[in-house]
Amino acid sequence: MELQEIFKMQKGLDQHIEKKHGLEQSDLFDQKVLALLVEIGELANETRSFKFWSLKSPSPQEVILEEFVDGIHFMVSLGLNCGFEKIEVISSRHSKECTMTEQFLTVYESVQHFRKKRTVEAYKKMFEDYLFLASLLGFKDEDIKEAYIKKNEVNYKRQQDGY
């Protein structure tokens, strides 16, 4: 997945938020990790993939995609925190087969591993695991990029409106 435009857009949004809230000198790494984990949980909730006790259908694909790109915002922001914005291509393909629930758990583990290590390898693994989840959800790179751009605009507007 080509990420340069997304990294550039996220950098602008992060700088805007940090300046607006006087956080330019703050270490926001752990807050961003927690935000990412919460967003992954919200995504799982919309897919309902783990809710074996419920007959209710998953949310519409556009809702699930919007939740997915909320996670992309925080993943990219974490990459910027660590100086990893030069990553060019991250694969969304895995050789293993797994359930969506298994992949959600893998993503949670990858996020925690990245939190502890903060290496480019751990970052790439986390991102790849998340993109593999996207493929299980039926999203293509183009879908993700388009939804990210739309959500980035919404996030800017929210900041202007005092979110």
C-alpha atoms as a PDB file:
ATOM      1  CA  MET A   1       0.000   0.000   0.000  1.00  0.00           C
ATOM      2  CA  GLU A   2       1.323   3.435  -0.948  1.00  0.00           C
ATOM      3  CA  LEU A   3       1.331   5.508   2.221  1.00  0.00           C
ATOM      4  CA  GLN A   4       3.252   8.703   1.448  1.00  0.00           C
ATOM      5  CA  GLU A   5       0.174  10.861   0.874  1.00  0.00           C
ATOM      6  CA  ILE A   6      -1.483   9.461   3.998  1.00  0.00           C
ATOM      7  CA  PHE A   7       1.621  10.155   6.098  1.00  0.00           C
ATOM      8  CA  LYS A   8       1.734  13.725   4.756  1.00  0.00           C
ATOM      9  CA  MET A   9      -1.937  14.325   5.526  1.00  0.00           C
ATOM     10  CA  GLN A  10      -1.654  12.797   8.992  1.00  0.00           C
ATOM     11  CA  LYS A  11       1.412  14.887   9.781  1.00  0.00           C
ATOM     12  CA  GLY A  12      -0.567  18.030   8.994  1.00  0.00           C
ATOM     13  CA  LEU A  13      -3.497  16.923  11.151  1.00  0.00           C
ATOM     14  CA  ASP A  14      -1.217  15.931  14.047  1.00  0.00           C
ATOM     15  CA  GLN A  15       0.603  19.274  13.906  1.00  0.00           C
ATOM     16  CA  HIS A  16      -2.707  21.134  13.827  1.00  0.00           C
ATOM     17  CA  ILE A  17      -4.054  19.227  16.854  1.00  0.00           C
ATOM     18  CA  GLU A  18      -0.821  19.499  18.839  1.00  0.00           C
ATOM     19  CA  LYS A  19      -0.558  23.232  18.210  1.00  0.00           C
ATOM     20  CA  LYS A  20      -4.227  23.881  18.976  1.00  0.00           C
ATOM     21  CA  HIS A  21      -3.987  21.998  22.269  1.00  0.00           C
ATOM     22  CA  GLY A  22      -0.481  23.162  23.226  1.00  0.00           C
ATOM     23  CA  LEU A  23       0.972  19.657  22.978  1.00  0.00           C
ATOM     24  CA  GLU A  24       3.980  20.296  20.716  1.00  0.00           C
ATOM     25  CA  GLN A  25       6.432  19.202  23.433  1.00  0.00           C
ATOM     26  CA  SER A  26       4.314  16.331  24.787  1.00  0.00           C
ATOM     27  CA  ASP A  27       5.057  12.625  24.420  1.00  0.00           C
ATOM     28  CA  LEU A  28       1.726  11.326  23.144  1.00  0.00           C
ATOM     29  CA  PHE A  29       2.926   7.833  22.240  1.00  0.00           C
ATOM     30  CA  ASP A  30       1.026   5.893  24.918  1.00  0.00           C
ATOM     31  CA  GLN A  31      -2.131   7.971  24.432  1.00  0.00           C
ATOM     32  CA  LYS A  32      -2.004   7.177  20.716  1.00  0.00           C
ATOM     33  CA  VAL A  33      -1.447   3.469  21.416  1.00  0.00           C
ATOM     34  CA  LEU A  34      -4.454   3.404  23.730  1.00  0.00           C
ATOM     35  CA  ALA A  35      -6.525   5.347  21.183  1.00  0.00           C
ATOM     36  CA  LEU A  36      -5.526   2.804  18.531  1.00  0.00           C
ATOM     37  CA  LEU A  37      -6.535  -0.105  20.740  1.00  0.00           C
ATOM     38  CA  VAL A  38      -9.895   1.549  21.435  1.00  0.00           C
ATOM     39  CA  GLU A  39     -10.441   2.119  17.703  1.00  0.00           C
ATOM     40  CA  ILE A  40      -9.641  -1.537  16.981  1.00  0.00           C
ATOM     41  CA  GLY A  41     -12.215  -2.502  19.609  1.00  0.00           C
ATOM     42  CA  GLU A  42     -14.792  -0.214  18.020  1.00  0.00           C
ATOM     43  CA  LEU A  43     -14.030  -1.813  14.660  1.00  0.00           C
ATOM     44  CA  ALA A  44     -14.475  -5.300  16.109  1.00  0.00           C
ATOM     45  CA  ASN A  45     -17.758  -4.205  17.654  1.00  0.00           C
ATOM     46  CA  GLU A  46     -19.067  -2.999  14.278  1.00  0.00           C
ATOM     47  CA  THR A  47     -18.087  -6.260  12.555  1.00  0.00           C
ATOM     48  CA  ARG A  48     -19.720  -8.275  15.344  1.00  0.00           C
ATOM     49  CA  SER A  49     -17.339 -11.079  14.299  1.00  0.00           C
ATOM     50  CA  PHE A  50     -16.814 -12.238  17.883  1.00  0.00           C
ATOM     51  CA  LYS A  51     -20.448 -11.994  19.021  1.00  0.00           C
ATOM     52  CA  PHE A  52     -21.312 -15.669  18.850  1.00  0.00           C
ATOM     53  CA  TRP A  53     -24.295 -15.054  21.136  1.00  0.00           C
ATOM     54  CA  SER A  54     -26.007 -12.566  18.804  1.00  0.00           C
ATOM     55  CA  LEU A  55     -28.003 -12.953  15.603  1.00  0.00           C
ATOM     56  CA  LYS A  56     -27.696  -9.257  14.714  1.00  0.00           C
ATOM     57  CA  SER A  57     -25.898  -8.541  11.435  1.00  0.00           C
ATOM     58  CA  PRO A  58     -22.675  -6.550  11.162  1.00  0.00           C
ATOM     59  CA  SER A  59     -22.896  -2.827  10.529  1.00  0.00           C
ATOM     60  CA  PRO A  60     -22.928  -1.674   6.898  1.00  0.00           C
ATOM     61  CA  GLN A  61     -19.561  -1.857   5.095  1.00  0.00           C
ATOM     62  CA  GLU A  62     -19.222   1.940   4.969  1.00  0.00           C
ATOM     63  CA  VAL A  63     -19.501   2.114   8.776  1.00  0.00           C
ATOM     64  CA  ILE A  64     -16.936  -0.659   9.186  1.00  0.00           C
ATOM     65  CA  LEU A  65     -14.597   1.041   6.714  1.00  0.00           C
ATOM     66  CA  GLU A  66     -14.864   4.346   8.602  1.00  0.00           C
ATOM     67  CA  GLU A  67     -13.961   2.561  11.848  1.00  0.00           C
ATOM     68  CA  PHE A  68     -11.078   0.848  10.083  1.00  0.00           C
ATOM     69  CA  VAL A  69      -9.600   4.136   8.864  1.00  0.00           C
ATOM     70  CA  ASP A  70      -9.865   5.581  12.377  1.00  0.00           C
ATOM     71  CA  GLY A  71      -7.270   2.946  13.227  1.00  0.00           C
ATOM     72  CA  ILE A  72      -5.179   3.956  10.222  1.00  0.00           C
ATOM     73  CA  HIS A  73      -5.081   7.522  11.561  1.00  0.00           C
ATOM     74  CA  PHE A  74      -3.513   6.374  14.811  1.00  0.00           C
ATOM     75  CA  MET A  75      -1.176   3.842  13.197  1.00  0.00           C
ATOM     76  CA  VAL A  76       0.196   6.485  10.864  1.00  0.00           C
ATOM     77  CA  SER A  77       0.418   8.986  13.715  1.00  0.00           C
ATOM     78  CA  LEU A  78       2.457   6.462  15.716  1.00  0.00           C
ATOM     79  CA  GLY A  79       4.731   5.950  12.724  1.00  0.00           C
ATOM     80  CA  LEU A  80       5.278   9.701  12.554  1.00  0.00           C
ATOM     81  CA  ASN A  81       6.061   9.721  16.286  1.00  0.00           C
ATOM     82  CA  CYS A  82       8.823   7.194  15.672  1.00  0.00           C
ATOM     83  CA  GLY A  83      10.157   8.697  12.436  1.00  0.00           C
ATOM     84  CA  PHE A  84       8.927   5.827  10.260  1.00  0.00           C
ATOM     85  CA  GLU A  85       7.169   7.933   7.605  1.00  0.00           C
ATOM     86  CA  LYS A  86       9.502   6.741   4.843  1.00  0.00           C
ATOM     87  CA  ILE A  87       7.894   3.312   4.751  1.00  0.00           C
ATOM     88  CA  GLU A  88       6.805   2.889   1.156  1.00  0.00           C
ATOM     89  CA  VAL A  89       4.909  -0.358   0.791  1.00  0.00           C
ATOM     90  CA  ILE A  90       3.330  -2.537   3.392  1.00  0.00           C
ATOM     91  CA  SER A  91       1.842  -5.814   2.248  1.00  0.00           C
ATOM     92  CA  SER A  92      -1.666  -6.836   3.200  1.00  0.00           C
ATOM     93  CA  ARG A  93      -1.102 -10.464   2.227  1.00  0.00           C
ATOM     94  CA  HIS A  94      -0.527 -13.279   4.664  1.00  0.00           C
ATOM     95  CA  SER A  95       0.124 -16.895   3.861  1.00  0.00           C
ATOM     96  CA  LYS A  96      -1.973 -18.148   6.742  1.00  0.00           C
ATOM     97  CA  GLU A  97      -5.689 -18.568   6.934  1.00  0.00           C
ATOM     98  CA  CYS A  98      -7.459 -17.386  10.049  1.00  0.00           C
ATOM     99  CA  THR A  99     -10.771 -16.178  11.328  1.00  0.00           C
ATOM    100  CA  MET A 100     -11.523 -12.524  11.760  1.00  0.00           C
ATOM    101  CA  THR A 101     -11.492 -12.998  15.539  1.00  0.00           C
ATOM    102  CA  GLU A 102      -8.026 -14.552  15.369  1.00  0.00           C
ATOM    103  CA  GLN A 103      -6.811 -11.640  13.255  1.00  0.00           C
ATOM    104  CA  PHE A 104      -8.236  -9.057  15.643  1.00  0.00           C
ATOM    105  CA  LEU A 105      -6.311 -10.761  18.448  1.00  0.00           C
ATOM    106  CA  THR A 106      -3.163 -10.825  16.305  1.00  0.00           C
ATOM    107  CA  VAL A 107      -3.524  -7.091  15.667  1.00  0.00           C
ATOM    108  CA  TYR A 108      -3.887  -6.412  19.410  1.00  0.00           C
ATOM    109  CA  GLU A 109      -0.725  -8.448  20.053  1.00  0.00           C
ATOM    110  CA  SER A 110       1.154  -6.612  17.292  1.00  0.00           C
ATOM    111  CA  VAL A 111       0.185  -3.232  18.719  1.00  0.00           C
ATOM    112  CA  GLN A 112       1.445  -4.244  22.151  1.00  0.00           C
ATOM    113  CA  HIS A 113       4.657  -5.635  20.679  1.00  0.00           C
ATOM    114  CA  PHE A 114       5.233  -2.365  18.814  1.00  0.00           C
ATOM    115  CA  ARG A 115       4.542  -0.404  22.000  1.00  0.00           C
ATOM    116  CA  LYS A 116       7.293  -2.305  23.795  1.00  0.00           C
ATOM    117  CA  LYS A 117       9.879  -2.414  20.980  1.00  0.00           C
ATOM    118  CA  ARG A 118       9.238   0.745  18.915  1.00  0.00           C
ATOM    119  CA  THR A 119      11.266  -0.689  16.017  1.00  0.00           C
ATOM    120  CA  VAL A 120      10.557  -0.268  12.326  1.00  0.00           C
ATOM    121  CA  GLU A 121      10.170  -4.062  12.059  1.00  0.00           C
ATOM    122  CA  ALA A 122       7.543  -4.122  14.811  1.00  0.00           C
ATOM    123  CA  TYR A 123       5.799  -1.157  13.187  1.00  0.00           C
ATOM    124  CA  LYS A 124       5.687  -2.850   9.777  1.00  0.00           C
ATOM    125  CA  LYS A 125       4.360  -6.069  11.339  1.00  0.00           C
ATOM    126  CA  MET A 126       1.614  -4.163  13.160  1.00  0.00           C
ATOM    127  CA  PHE A 127       0.614  -2.346   9.981  1.00  0.00           C
ATOM    128  CA  GLU A 128       0.719  -5.529   7.898  1.00  0.00           C
ATOM    129  CA  ASP A 129      -1.456  -7.345  10.419  1.00  0.00           C
ATOM    130  CA  TYR A 130      -3.950  -4.481  10.335  1.00  0.00           C
ATOM    131  CA  LEU A 131      -3.995  -4.438   6.528  1.00  0.00           C
ATOM    132  CA  PHE A 132      -4.534  -8.190   6.502  1.00  0.00           C
ATOM    133  CA  LEU A 133      -7.578  -7.543   8.669  1.00  0.00           C
ATOM    134  CA  ALA A 134      -8.722  -5.092   5.970  1.00  0.00           C
ATOM    135  CA  SER A 135      -8.469  -7.829   3.365  1.00  0.00           C
ATOM    136  CA  LEU A 136     -10.566 -10.134   5.573  1.00  0.00           C
ATOM    137  CA  LEU A 137     -13.127  -7.324   5.773  1.00  0.00           C
ATOM    138  CA  GLY A 138     -13.141  -7.066   1.971  1.00  0.00           C
ATOM    139  CA  PHE A 139     -11.393  -3.688   1.687  1.00  0.00           C
ATOM    140  CA  LYS A 140      -8.909  -2.843  -1.031  1.00  0.00           C
ATOM    141  CA  ASP A 141      -6.077  -0.324  -0.763  1.00  0.00           C
ATOM    142  CA  GLU A 142      -8.047   2.184  -2.851  1.00  0.00           C
ATOM    143  CA  ASP A 143     -11.072   1.893  -0.526  1.00  0.00           C
ATOM    144  CA  ILE A 144      -8.879   2.561   2.483  1.00  0.00           C
ATOM    145  CA  LYS A 145      -7.114   5.551   0.952  1.00  0.00           C
ATOM    146  CA  GLU A 146     -10.350   7.159  -0.225  1.00  0.00           C
ATOM    147  CA  ALA A 147     -12.021   6.630   3.165  1.00  0.00           C
ATOM    148  CA  TYR A 148      -8.931   7.945   4.959  1.00  0.00           C
ATOM    149  CA  ILE A 149      -8.979  11.162   2.918  1.00  0.00           C
ATOM    150  CA  LYS A 150     -12.680  11.695   3.680  1.00  0.00           C
ATOM    151  CA  LYS A 151     -12.209  11.009   7.399  1.00  0.00           C
ATOM    152  CA  ASN A 152      -9.147  13.268   7.562  1.00  0.00           C
ATOM    153  CA  GLU A 153     -11.324  16.127   6.285  1.00  0.00           C
ATOM    154  CA  VAL A 154     -13.952  15.297   8.932  1.00  0.00           C
ATOM    155  CA  ASN A 155     -11.265  15.309  11.635  1.00  0.00           C
ATOM    156  CA  TYR A 156     -10.048  18.766  10.561  1.00  0.00           C
ATOM    157  CA  LYS A 157     -13.623  20.073  10.608  1.00  0.00           C
ATOM    158  CA  ARG A 158     -14.151  18.615  14.084  1.00  0.00           C
ATOM    159  CA  GLN A 159     -11.055  20.452  15.309  1.00  0.00           C
ATOM    160  CA  GLN A 160     -12.393  23.705  13.836  1.00  0.00           C
ATOM    161  CA  ASP A 161     -15.764  23.108  15.514  1.00  0.00           C
ATOM    162  CA  GLY A 162     -14.226  22.601  18.975  1.00  0.00           C
ATOM    163  CA  TYR A 163     -14.355  18.788  19.130  1.00  0.00           C
END
